[in-house]
Protein backbone atom coordinates (compact mmCIF):
# COMPACT_ATOMS: atom_id res chain seq x y z
CA MET A 1 93.07 93.04 104.80
CA PHE A 2 90.43 92.69 102.01
CA LYS A 3 89.66 90.35 99.47
CA GLY A 4 89.37 92.16 96.46
CA LEU A 5 89.64 92.55 93.03
CA THR A 6 90.37 95.17 89.82
CA LEU A 7 87.60 95.50 87.45
CA ARG A 8 90.10 94.81 84.80
CA THR A 9 89.58 91.20 85.55
CA PHE A 10 86.11 90.98 83.97
CA PRO A 11 85.46 90.82 80.39
CA PRO A 12 85.52 94.29 78.56
CA GLU A 13 81.92 94.23 77.74
CA LEU A 14 80.53 94.25 80.78
CA ASP A 15 79.98 97.77 82.56
CA TRP A 16 81.19 98.90 85.82
CA ARG A 17 77.92 97.78 87.47
CA GLU A 18 77.92 94.53 86.55
CA CYS A 19 81.55 94.41 87.48
CA ILE A 20 80.73 95.49 91.09
CA ALA A 21 77.72 93.42 91.13
CA LEU A 22 79.37 90.34 90.50
CA ALA A 23 82.41 91.16 92.67
CA ALA A 24 79.97 91.36 95.60
CA SER A 25 78.19 88.43 94.63
CA ALA A 26 81.20 86.26 94.45
CA GLY A 27 82.19 87.18 98.02
CA PHE A 28 85.10 89.86 97.33
CA GLU A 29 84.96 92.74 99.79
CA SER A 30 86.65 95.50 97.46
CA VAL A 31 87.32 96.70 94.03
CA GLU A 32 90.03 98.45 92.23
CA ILE A 33 88.51 100.94 89.86
CA ASN A 34 90.29 101.18 86.43
CA PHE A 35 90.23 104.79 84.56
CA ASP A 36 91.77 103.33 81.35
CA GLY A 37 88.78 101.17 79.87
CA ARG A 38 85.08 101.17 81.07
CA LEU A 39 85.98 104.65 82.92
CA ASP A 40 88.63 107.50 81.78
CA LEU A 41 90.34 110.20 83.85
CA ASN A 42 87.58 112.65 82.68
CA VAL A 43 84.94 111.05 84.66
CA THR A 44 82.63 113.49 86.52
CA ASP A 45 82.23 113.88 90.15
CA SER A 46 78.50 112.91 89.95
CA LEU A 47 79.66 109.74 88.03
CA LEU A 48 81.97 108.94 90.94
CA VAL A 49 79.39 109.71 93.65
CA GLU A 50 77.21 107.24 91.64
CA ILE A 51 80.10 104.38 91.81
CA ARG A 52 80.70 105.04 95.35
CA LYS A 53 76.95 104.59 96.47
CA PHE A 54 76.64 101.67 94.04
CA ALA A 55 79.38 100.01 95.72
CA ASP A 56 78.46 101.07 99.12
CA ASN A 57 74.76 99.58 98.36
CA ARG A 58 76.58 96.05 98.09
CA ASN A 59 79.10 96.29 100.82
CA ILE A 60 81.70 96.71 98.43
CA ILE A 61 84.67 99.16 99.01
CA VAL A 62 86.78 101.00 96.60
CA ASP A 63 90.04 100.51 97.85
CA SER A 64 92.04 101.88 94.87
CA VAL A 65 91.96 103.45 91.63
CA TYR A 66 94.29 103.22 88.87
CA SER A 67 95.21 104.35 85.15
CA ARG A 68 97.88 103.49 82.93
CA LYS A 69 97.39 106.93 81.16
CA GLN A 70 99.66 109.02 83.50
CA TRP A 71 102.52 106.87 82.03
CA ALA A 72 102.11 108.17 78.57
CA THR A 73 102.77 111.81 79.35
């Protein structure tokens, strides 16, 4: 089991890099990436790779992804 949190925990003015870095520095082991705020469902593959590398470099696991947009259809 990992100690983690969702990126929605952080103030909306912080970008995903700042959120992941803060989670790592606070001792969290994983994050949930949300695709309905800082990021959206149209994110590019290259950005997903960048997010993964950024998290890996901080020993953070991306343990889940989330979007409320699927419920809007």
